[in-house]
Amino acid sequence: MPSGEVECWEEAAARYLCEMRKSNRRSVSVEDKEVRFDVLNTVLNDAPPLTLEKVDIVGAVKTLTEARGWSELTASKYEKVGLTLLRFVRGEGKRMHTRDEAPPTTWGAGIVAQLMHTAETVAPEAVAALAVMAFAGIRPNEALRLLTGRTTCCGTRPRR
C-alpha cells in the first residue's frame, strides 16, 4: 500500500487471511475468520483498523449480539477475532500459528447416536442435516456455507 494510505477493514482482513493461507492453516479456519471479519464489518462500515480501539470492537459485538441474539460464547469469539485483526494491523500480539495447534474434536458413536435420537424427538427437520454433518465430518458453519452457497475460490473473497 502506498505510503500515507490507510488500509480499510476489508483490506486488512484480506491481508490477514492471506497470511493464514501462507501459514498453511486449515481452510475451515481461514473461512471461519473470513465470515467473522465480514460480519463485524457490517457494523464497522469498513473503518480502518488503525483508527479503531478495543471499545469499538466491543461495541460492534454488542450491537450484533443484540440484533442477532448471540450467546455469550459467540459474542466472545467475535470480539476475539476483531481484536486479533487490530493487533495484526498494529504488529502487536501473538505470533500467527504456522498450523492449527489442535485437531478438531471428534464425537464417538454413542454421542452421535444420542444426538440423533434427541433430534428425532425435538427437531425432526434437523435430522438429515445432522446426519450429513456427523458422517461427512463437516461442522455446522461449514454446512451453513454449503446451504447458503458462500464459497471462496483460489484464496479470493467473493465480491458483493
N, C-alpha and C. Protein backbone atom coordinates (compact mmCIF):
# COMPACT_ATOMS: atom_id res chain seq x y z
N MET A 1 0.86 -1.17 0.00
CA MET A 1 0.00 0.00 0.00
C MET A 1 0.90 1.23 0.00
N PRO A 2 0.55 2.22 -0.82
CA PRO A 2 1.37 3.44 -0.89
C PRO A 2 1.44 4.14 0.46
N SER A 3 2.57 4.76 0.70
CA SER A 3 2.78 5.47 1.96
C SER A 3 1.71 6.54 2.15
N GLY A 4 1.20 6.63 3.37
CA GLY A 4 0.21 7.64 3.69
C GLY A 4 -1.23 7.15 3.56
N GLU A 5 -1.45 6.02 2.87
CA GLU A 5 -2.79 5.48 2.74
C GLU A 5 -3.11 4.60 3.94
N VAL A 6 -4.37 4.61 4.34
CA VAL A 6 -4.79 3.81 5.47
C VAL A 6 -5.63 2.64 4.95
N GLU A 7 -5.29 1.48 5.41
CA GLU A 7 -5.95 0.25 5.00
C GLU A 7 -7.33 0.13 5.65
N CYS A 8 -8.37 -0.12 4.86
CA CYS A 8 -9.72 -0.29 5.41
C CYS A 8 -9.85 -1.69 6.03
N TRP A 9 -10.95 -1.92 6.74
CA TRP A 9 -11.18 -3.19 7.44
C TRP A 9 -11.09 -4.36 6.46
N GLU A 10 -11.77 -4.24 5.32
CA GLU A 10 -11.82 -5.34 4.36
C GLU A 10 -10.43 -5.66 3.83
N GLU A 11 -9.63 -4.65 3.55
CA GLU A 11 -8.27 -4.87 3.05
C GLU A 11 -7.39 -5.51 4.12
N ALA A 12 -7.51 -5.04 5.35
CA ALA A 12 -6.72 -5.61 6.44
C ALA A 12 -7.11 -7.07 6.68
N ALA A 13 -8.41 -7.33 6.64
CA ALA A 13 -8.88 -8.71 6.82
C ALA A 13 -8.35 -9.61 5.71
N ALA A 14 -8.39 -9.13 4.48
CA ALA A 14 -7.88 -9.91 3.35
C ALA A 14 -6.39 -10.20 3.52
N ARG A 15 -5.64 -9.22 3.99
CA ARG A 15 -4.20 -9.41 4.21
C ARG A 15 -3.96 -10.44 5.30
N TYR A 16 -4.74 -10.37 6.38
CA TYR A 16 -4.62 -11.34 7.48
C TYR A 16 -4.93 -12.75 6.97
N LEU A 17 -6.01 -12.89 6.22
CA LEU A 17 -6.41 -14.19 5.69
C LEU A 17 -5.35 -14.74 4.74
N CYS A 18 -4.74 -13.87 3.97
CA CYS A 18 -3.65 -14.27 3.07
C CYS A 18 -2.49 -14.85 3.88
N GLU A 19 -2.17 -14.20 4.99
CA GLU A 19 -1.09 -14.70 5.86
C GLU A 19 -1.46 -16.05 6.46
N MET A 20 -2.74 -16.22 6.80
CA MET A 20 -3.18 -17.52 7.32
C MET A 20 -2.97 -18.61 6.26
N ARG A 21 -3.34 -18.31 5.02
CA ARG A 21 -3.17 -19.29 3.94
C ARG A 21 -1.70 -19.62 3.72
N LYS A 22 -0.84 -18.59 3.75
CA LYS A 22 0.60 -18.81 3.58
C LYS A 22 1.16 -19.69 4.70
N SER A 23 0.51 -19.61 5.87
CA SER A 23 0.97 -20.40 7.02
C SER A 23 0.36 -21.80 7.03
N ASN A 24 -0.32 -22.15 5.94
CA ASN A 24 -0.91 -23.48 5.79
C ASN A 24 -1.96 -23.80 6.84
N ARG A 25 -2.73 -22.79 7.22
CA ARG A 25 -3.84 -23.04 8.14
C ARG A 25 -4.92 -23.81 7.40
N ARG A 26 -5.69 -24.61 8.13
CA ARG A 26 -6.79 -25.36 7.52
C ARG A 26 -7.76 -24.38 6.87
N SER A 27 -8.31 -24.78 5.74
CA SER A 27 -9.23 -23.89 5.03
C SER A 27 -10.43 -23.53 5.89
N VAL A 28 -10.88 -24.45 6.73
CA VAL A 28 -12.03 -24.13 7.59
C VAL A 28 -11.68 -23.04 8.60
N SER A 29 -10.44 -23.01 9.05
CA SER A 29 -10.02 -21.96 9.98
C SER A 29 -10.00 -20.60 9.29
N VAL A 30 -9.50 -20.60 8.06
CA VAL A 30 -9.45 -19.36 7.28
C VAL A 30 -10.88 -18.88 6.99
N GLU A 31 -11.73 -19.79 6.56
CA GLU A 31 -13.11 -19.43 6.22
C GLU A 31 -13.88 -18.94 7.44
N ASP A 32 -13.62 -19.54 8.59
CA ASP A 32 -14.29 -19.11 9.82
C ASP A 32 -13.92 -17.67 10.15
N LYS A 33 -12.64 -17.36 10.08
CA LYS A 33 -12.20 -15.98 10.34
C LYS A 33 -12.78 -15.03 9.30
N GLU A 34 -12.82 -15.46 8.04
CA GLU A 34 -13.35 -14.63 6.97
C GLU A 34 -14.81 -14.26 7.25
N VAL A 35 -15.59 -15.23 7.64
CA VAL A 35 -17.01 -14.98 7.94
C VAL A 35 -17.12 -14.01 9.11
N ARG A 36 -16.35 -14.23 10.15
CA ARG A 36 -16.42 -13.36 11.33
C ARG A 36 -15.97 -11.93 11.00
N PHE A 37 -14.90 -11.80 10.21
CA PHE A 37 -14.48 -10.46 9.79
C PHE A 37 -15.59 -9.76 9.01
N ASP A 38 -16.22 -10.50 8.09
CA ASP A 38 -17.31 -9.92 7.29
C ASP A 38 -18.48 -9.47 8.16
N VAL A 39 -18.86 -10.30 9.12
CA VAL A 39 -19.98 -9.95 9.99
C VAL A 39 -19.65 -8.71 10.82
N LEU A 40 -18.46 -8.65 11.38
CA LEU A 40 -18.06 -7.47 12.14
C LEU A 40 -18.08 -6.22 11.26
N ASN A 41 -17.68 -6.39 10.02
CA ASN A 41 -17.62 -5.25 9.11
C ASN A 41 -19.00 -4.68 8.80
N THR A 42 -20.05 -5.48 8.97
CA THR A 42 -21.39 -4.95 8.73
C THR A 42 -21.72 -3.83 9.70
N VAL A 43 -21.09 -3.83 10.87
CA VAL A 43 -21.30 -2.78 11.87
C VAL A 43 -20.19 -1.74 11.80
N LEU A 44 -18.98 -2.18 11.48
CA LEU A 44 -17.84 -1.27 11.49
C LEU A 44 -17.74 -0.44 10.21
N ASN A 45 -18.51 -0.76 9.19
CA ASN A 45 -18.58 0.02 7.95
C ASN A 45 -17.23 0.25 7.28
N ASP A 46 -16.41 -0.80 7.25
CA ASP A 46 -15.10 -0.75 6.59
C ASP A 46 -14.16 0.30 7.17
N ALA A 47 -14.32 0.59 8.45
CA ALA A 47 -13.43 1.55 9.12
C ALA A 47 -12.00 1.01 9.11
N PRO A 48 -11.03 1.88 8.97
CA PRO A 48 -9.63 1.43 9.04
C PRO A 48 -9.32 0.89 10.43
N PRO A 49 -8.80 -0.32 10.53
CA PRO A 49 -8.48 -0.89 11.85
C PRO A 49 -7.54 -0.02 12.68
N LEU A 50 -6.66 0.73 12.01
CA LEU A 50 -5.74 1.60 12.75
C LEU A 50 -6.47 2.70 13.51
N THR A 51 -7.71 3.00 13.11
CA THR A 51 -8.47 4.05 13.79
C THR A 51 -9.36 3.48 14.88
N LEU A 52 -9.38 2.16 15.03
CA LEU A 52 -10.27 1.52 15.99
C LEU A 52 -9.53 1.13 17.27
N GLU A 53 -10.29 1.05 18.33
CA GLU A 53 -9.77 0.60 19.62
C GLU A 53 -10.63 -0.58 20.10
N LYS A 54 -10.22 -1.17 21.20
CA LYS A 54 -10.97 -2.29 21.77
C LYS A 54 -12.42 -1.92 22.01
N VAL A 55 -12.68 -0.72 22.48
CA VAL A 55 -14.04 -0.29 22.78
C VAL A 55 -14.91 -0.31 21.52
N ASP A 56 -14.33 -0.05 20.36
CA ASP A 56 -15.08 -0.08 19.11
C ASP A 56 -15.49 -1.51 18.75
N ILE A 57 -14.58 -2.45 18.94
CA ILE A 57 -14.87 -3.85 18.67
C ILE A 57 -15.94 -4.35 19.64
N VAL A 58 -15.77 -4.03 20.92
CA VAL A 58 -16.74 -4.45 21.93
C VAL A 58 -18.12 -3.88 21.60
N GLY A 59 -18.16 -2.63 21.19
CA GLY A 59 -19.43 -2.00 20.83
C GLY A 59 -20.07 -2.66 19.61
N ALA A 60 -19.26 -2.99 18.62
CA ALA A 60 -19.77 -3.66 17.42
C ALA A 60 -20.34 -5.03 17.78
N VAL A 61 -19.62 -5.75 18.62
CA VAL A 61 -20.09 -7.08 19.03
C VAL A 61 -21.38 -6.96 19.85
N LYS A 62 -21.46 -5.95 20.70
CA LYS A 62 -22.68 -5.75 21.48
C LYS A 62 -23.87 -5.48 20.56
N THR A 63 -23.66 -4.64 19.56
CA THR A 63 -24.72 -4.34 18.60
C THR A 63 -25.17 -5.60 17.88
N LEU A 64 -24.21 -6.39 17.43
CA LEU A 64 -24.53 -7.63 16.73
C LEU A 64 -25.20 -8.64 17.64
N THR A 65 -24.75 -8.72 18.89
CA THR A 65 -25.34 -9.65 19.85
C THR A 65 -26.81 -9.33 20.09
N GLU A 66 -27.10 -8.05 20.25
CA GLU A 66 -28.49 -7.64 20.47
C GLU A 66 -29.34 -7.90 19.24
N ALA A 67 -28.81 -7.63 18.07
CA ALA A 67 -29.57 -7.80 16.82
C ALA A 67 -29.77 -9.27 16.45
N ARG A 68 -28.79 -10.10 16.77
CA ARG A 68 -28.83 -11.49 16.32
C ARG A 68 -29.10 -12.49 17.44
N GLY A 69 -29.15 -12.02 18.67
CA GLY A 69 -29.42 -12.91 19.79
C GLY A 69 -28.31 -13.91 20.06
N TRP A 70 -27.07 -13.45 19.92
CA TRP A 70 -25.93 -14.34 20.12
C TRP A 70 -25.80 -14.74 21.59
N SER A 71 -25.21 -15.91 21.79
CA SER A 71 -24.85 -16.35 23.13
C SER A 71 -23.59 -15.59 23.57
N GLU A 72 -23.30 -15.69 24.84
CA GLU A 72 -22.08 -15.06 25.36
C GLU A 72 -20.84 -15.65 24.69
N LEU A 73 -20.87 -16.95 24.44
CA LEU A 73 -19.73 -17.61 23.80
C LEU A 73 -19.52 -17.10 22.38
N THR A 74 -20.60 -16.98 21.62
CA THR A 74 -20.48 -16.48 20.25
C THR A 74 -19.95 -15.05 20.25
N ALA A 75 -20.50 -14.21 21.12
CA ALA A 75 -20.04 -12.83 21.21
C ALA A 75 -18.55 -12.78 21.55
N SER A 76 -18.14 -13.63 22.47
CA SER A 76 -16.74 -13.67 22.87
C SER A 76 -15.83 -14.04 21.69
N LYS A 77 -16.27 -14.98 20.87
CA LYS A 77 -15.46 -15.38 19.71
C LYS A 77 -15.34 -14.24 18.70
N TYR A 78 -16.42 -13.51 18.47
CA TYR A 78 -16.36 -12.38 17.54
C TYR A 78 -15.46 -11.27 18.09
N GLU A 79 -15.55 -11.02 19.38
CA GLU A 79 -14.69 -10.00 19.98
C GLU A 79 -13.22 -10.39 19.83
N LYS A 80 -12.93 -11.64 20.08
CA LYS A 80 -11.55 -12.13 19.96
C LYS A 80 -11.03 -11.95 18.54
N VAL A 81 -11.86 -12.29 17.55
CA VAL A 81 -11.44 -12.16 16.15
C VAL A 81 -11.19 -10.69 15.79
N GLY A 82 -12.08 -9.81 16.24
CA GLY A 82 -11.90 -8.39 15.95
C GLY A 82 -10.63 -7.84 16.56
N LEU A 83 -10.37 -8.22 17.79
CA LEU A 83 -9.15 -7.74 18.46
C LEU A 83 -7.90 -8.34 17.83
N THR A 84 -8.01 -9.57 17.34
CA THR A 84 -6.89 -10.19 16.64
C THR A 84 -6.50 -9.37 15.41
N LEU A 85 -7.50 -8.91 14.66
CA LEU A 85 -7.19 -8.11 13.48
C LEU A 85 -6.55 -6.77 13.87
N LEU A 86 -7.04 -6.16 14.95
CA LEU A 86 -6.42 -4.90 15.40
C LEU A 86 -4.95 -5.11 15.75
N ARG A 87 -4.66 -6.19 16.49
CA ARG A 87 -3.27 -6.48 16.86
C ARG A 87 -2.42 -6.78 15.63
N PHE A 88 -2.98 -7.50 14.68
CA PHE A 88 -2.26 -7.85 13.46
C PHE A 88 -1.86 -6.58 12.70
N VAL A 89 -2.80 -5.68 12.53
CA VAL A 89 -2.54 -4.44 11.79
C VAL A 89 -1.47 -3.61 12.48
N ARG A 90 -1.48 -3.63 13.79
CA ARG A 90 -0.51 -2.83 14.56
C ARG A 90 0.81 -3.56 14.78
N GLY A 91 0.88 -4.82 14.35
CA GLY A 91 2.11 -5.59 14.53
C GLY A 91 2.32 -6.00 15.97
N GLU A 92 1.23 -6.11 16.74
CA GLU A 92 1.32 -6.46 18.15
C GLU A 92 0.84 -7.89 18.37
N GLY A 93 1.01 -8.35 19.55
CA GLY A 93 0.37 -9.59 19.96
C GLY A 93 1.13 -10.84 19.60
N LYS A 94 0.38 -11.93 19.67
CA LYS A 94 0.95 -13.25 19.47
C LYS A 94 1.37 -13.46 18.02
N ARG A 95 2.25 -14.42 17.86
CA ARG A 95 2.64 -14.81 16.51
C ARG A 95 1.46 -15.53 15.86
N MET A 96 1.43 -15.49 14.55
CA MET A 96 0.41 -16.25 13.85
C MET A 96 0.90 -17.69 13.79
N HIS A 97 0.05 -18.61 14.15
CA HIS A 97 0.43 -20.02 14.13
C HIS A 97 0.74 -20.45 12.71
N THR A 98 1.70 -21.35 12.58
CA THR A 98 2.04 -21.85 11.26
C THR A 98 1.15 -23.03 10.88
N ARG A 99 0.40 -23.53 11.82
CA ARG A 99 -0.57 -24.58 11.56
C ARG A 99 -1.58 -24.54 12.71
N ASP A 100 -2.68 -25.21 12.52
CA ASP A 100 -3.64 -25.25 13.61
C ASP A 100 -3.05 -26.10 14.72
N GLU A 101 -3.12 -25.58 15.93
CA GLU A 101 -2.45 -26.22 17.06
C GLU A 101 -3.11 -27.52 17.50
N ALA A 102 -4.41 -27.62 17.37
CA ALA A 102 -5.10 -28.82 17.81
C ALA A 102 -6.05 -29.28 16.71
N PRO A 103 -6.16 -30.59 16.52
CA PRO A 103 -7.11 -31.08 15.53
C PRO A 103 -8.54 -30.86 16.02
N PRO A 104 -9.49 -30.87 15.11
CA PRO A 104 -10.88 -30.70 15.54
C PRO A 104 -11.31 -31.84 16.46
N THR A 105 -12.22 -31.54 17.35
CA THR A 105 -12.75 -32.54 18.26
C THR A 105 -13.69 -33.47 17.50
N THR A 106 -13.59 -34.75 17.76
CA THR A 106 -14.50 -35.71 17.13
C THR A 106 -15.38 -36.34 18.19
N TRP A 107 -16.57 -36.75 17.79
CA TRP A 107 -17.50 -37.39 18.70
C TRP A 107 -17.54 -38.89 18.43
N GLY A 108 -17.68 -39.64 19.49
CA GLY A 108 -17.81 -41.09 19.36
C GLY A 108 -19.21 -41.46 18.90
N ALA A 109 -19.37 -42.74 18.54
CA ALA A 109 -20.65 -43.24 18.03
C ALA A 109 -21.77 -43.06 19.05
N GLY A 110 -21.48 -43.23 20.32
CA GLY A 110 -22.51 -43.08 21.36
C GLY A 110 -23.07 -41.67 21.43
N ILE A 111 -22.22 -40.69 21.32
CA ILE A 111 -22.66 -39.30 21.37
C ILE A 111 -23.49 -38.97 20.13
N VAL A 112 -23.03 -39.44 18.96
CA VAL A 112 -23.77 -39.19 17.72
C VAL A 112 -25.14 -39.85 17.79
N ALA A 113 -25.20 -41.08 18.29
CA ALA A 113 -26.48 -41.79 18.42
C ALA A 113 -27.42 -41.03 19.34
N GLN A 114 -26.91 -40.55 20.47
CA GLN A 114 -27.72 -39.78 21.41
C GLN A 114 -28.21 -38.47 20.77
N LEU A 115 -27.34 -37.80 20.05
CA LEU A 115 -27.70 -36.58 19.36
C LEU A 115 -28.82 -36.83 18.35
N MET A 116 -28.67 -37.89 17.55
CA MET A 116 -29.67 -38.20 16.54
C MET A 116 -31.01 -38.57 17.17
N HIS A 117 -30.98 -39.34 18.26
CA HIS A 117 -32.22 -39.70 18.95
C HIS A 117 -32.92 -38.45 19.49
N THR A 118 -32.16 -37.57 20.09
CA THR A 118 -32.74 -36.33 20.62
C THR A 118 -33.31 -35.48 19.49
N ALA A 119 -32.57 -35.39 18.39
CA ALA A 119 -33.04 -34.60 17.25
C ALA A 119 -34.33 -35.16 16.67
N GLU A 120 -34.46 -36.47 16.65
CA GLU A 120 -35.69 -37.09 16.13
C GLU A 120 -36.92 -36.64 16.91
N THR A 121 -36.76 -36.45 18.21
CA THR A 121 -37.91 -36.07 19.03
C THR A 121 -38.07 -34.56 19.15
N VAL A 122 -36.98 -33.83 19.18
CA VAL A 122 -37.04 -32.39 19.41
C VAL A 122 -37.12 -31.59 18.11
N ALA A 123 -36.33 -31.96 17.13
CA ALA A 123 -36.27 -31.20 15.88
C ALA A 123 -36.10 -32.16 14.70
N PRO A 124 -37.14 -32.90 14.35
CA PRO A 124 -37.00 -33.91 13.28
C PRO A 124 -36.53 -33.34 11.94
N GLU A 125 -36.83 -32.06 11.69
CA GLU A 125 -36.39 -31.46 10.43
C GLU A 125 -34.87 -31.30 10.36
N ALA A 126 -34.18 -31.42 11.48
CA ALA A 126 -32.72 -31.25 11.51
C ALA A 126 -31.97 -32.57 11.38
N VAL A 127 -32.69 -33.68 11.42
CA VAL A 127 -32.02 -34.99 11.43
C VAL A 127 -31.15 -35.20 10.19
N ALA A 128 -31.67 -34.88 9.03
CA ALA A 128 -30.89 -35.10 7.80
C ALA A 128 -29.61 -34.28 7.80
N ALA A 129 -29.72 -33.02 8.16
CA ALA A 129 -28.52 -32.17 8.20
C ALA A 129 -27.52 -32.66 9.23
N LEU A 130 -28.01 -33.07 10.39
CA LEU A 130 -27.11 -33.59 11.43
C LEU A 130 -26.42 -34.87 10.96
N ALA A 131 -27.16 -35.72 10.26
CA ALA A 131 -26.55 -36.96 9.76
C ALA A 131 -25.43 -36.65 8.77
N VAL A 132 -25.67 -35.72 7.87
CA VAL A 132 -24.64 -35.35 6.90
C VAL A 132 -23.43 -34.75 7.63
N MET A 133 -23.69 -33.88 8.59
CA MET A 133 -22.59 -33.26 9.33
C MET A 133 -21.78 -34.32 10.08
N ALA A 134 -22.47 -35.26 10.72
CA ALA A 134 -21.77 -36.28 11.51
C ALA A 134 -20.98 -37.24 10.64
N PHE A 135 -21.58 -37.69 9.55
CA PHE A 135 -20.92 -38.72 8.75
C PHE A 135 -19.99 -38.16 7.68
N ALA A 136 -20.18 -36.92 7.30
CA ALA A 136 -19.26 -36.30 6.34
C ALA A 136 -18.15 -35.55 7.06
N GLY A 137 -18.32 -35.36 8.36
CA GLY A 137 -17.29 -34.69 9.14
C GLY A 137 -17.23 -33.20 8.94
N ILE A 138 -18.36 -32.59 8.61
CA ILE A 138 -18.36 -31.14 8.47
C ILE A 138 -19.00 -30.49 9.69
N ARG A 139 -18.59 -29.28 9.95
CA ARG A 139 -19.07 -28.54 11.11
C ARG A 139 -20.33 -27.75 10.73
N PRO A 140 -21.08 -27.31 11.74
CA PRO A 140 -22.31 -26.55 11.43
C PRO A 140 -22.07 -25.34 10.54
N ASN A 141 -21.01 -24.59 10.80
CA ASN A 141 -20.78 -23.41 9.96
C ASN A 141 -20.40 -23.80 8.53
N GLU A 142 -19.77 -24.94 8.36
CA GLU A 142 -19.47 -25.42 7.01
C GLU A 142 -20.75 -25.84 6.29
N ALA A 143 -21.64 -26.51 7.02
CA ALA A 143 -22.92 -26.91 6.44
C ALA A 143 -23.72 -25.68 6.04
N LEU A 144 -23.70 -24.67 6.88
CA LEU A 144 -24.42 -23.44 6.58
C LEU A 144 -23.86 -22.79 5.32
N ARG A 145 -22.54 -22.80 5.17
CA ARG A 145 -21.94 -22.24 3.97
C ARG A 145 -22.37 -23.01 2.73
N LEU A 146 -22.48 -24.33 2.87
CA LEU A 146 -22.96 -25.13 1.74
C LEU A 146 -24.40 -24.77 1.39
N LEU A 147 -25.22 -24.58 2.40
CA LEU A 147 -26.63 -24.25 2.17
C LEU A 147 -26.81 -22.85 1.60
N THR A 148 -25.95 -21.92 2.00
CA THR A 148 -26.10 -20.53 1.55
C THR A 148 -25.31 -20.24 0.28
N GLY A 149 -24.48 -21.20 -0.14
CA GLY A 149 -23.71 -21.00 -1.36
C GLY A 149 -22.50 -20.12 -1.20
N ARG A 150 -22.13 -19.80 0.02
CA ARG A 150 -20.96 -18.96 0.26
C ARG A 150 -19.70 -19.78 0.02
N THR A 151 -18.93 -19.37 -0.97
CA THR A 151 -17.70 -20.10 -1.29
C THR A 151 -16.57 -19.12 -1.54
N THR A 152 -15.38 -19.64 -1.49
CA THR A 152 -14.22 -18.86 -1.89
C THR A 152 -13.49 -19.67 -2.95
N CYS A 153 -12.76 -19.01 -3.79
CA CYS A 153 -12.05 -19.67 -4.86
C CYS A 153 -10.63 -19.12 -4.94
N CYS A 154 -9.68 -19.98 -4.94
CA CYS A 154 -8.28 -19.58 -5.12
C CYS A 154 -7.85 -18.53 -4.10
N GLY A 155 -8.40 -18.60 -2.90
CA GLY A 155 -7.99 -17.68 -1.85
C GLY A 155 -8.56 -16.29 -1.98
N THR A 156 -9.52 -16.07 -2.87
CA THR A 156 -10.09 -14.75 -3.01
C THR A 156 -11.48 -14.72 -2.42
N ARG A 157 -11.93 -13.56 -2.05
CA ARG A 157 -13.25 -13.40 -1.46
C ARG A 157 -14.24 -13.04 -2.56
N PRO A 158 -15.45 -13.59 -2.46
CA PRO A 158 -16.44 -13.21 -3.46
C PRO A 158 -16.81 -11.74 -3.31
N ARG A 159 -17.02 -11.07 -4.42
CA ARG A 159 -17.41 -9.65 -4.40
C ARG A 159 -18.88 -9.53 -4.18
N ARG A 160 -19.27 -8.51 -3.45
CA ARG A 160 -20.68 -8.28 -3.20
C ARG A 160 -21.22 -7.30 -4.21
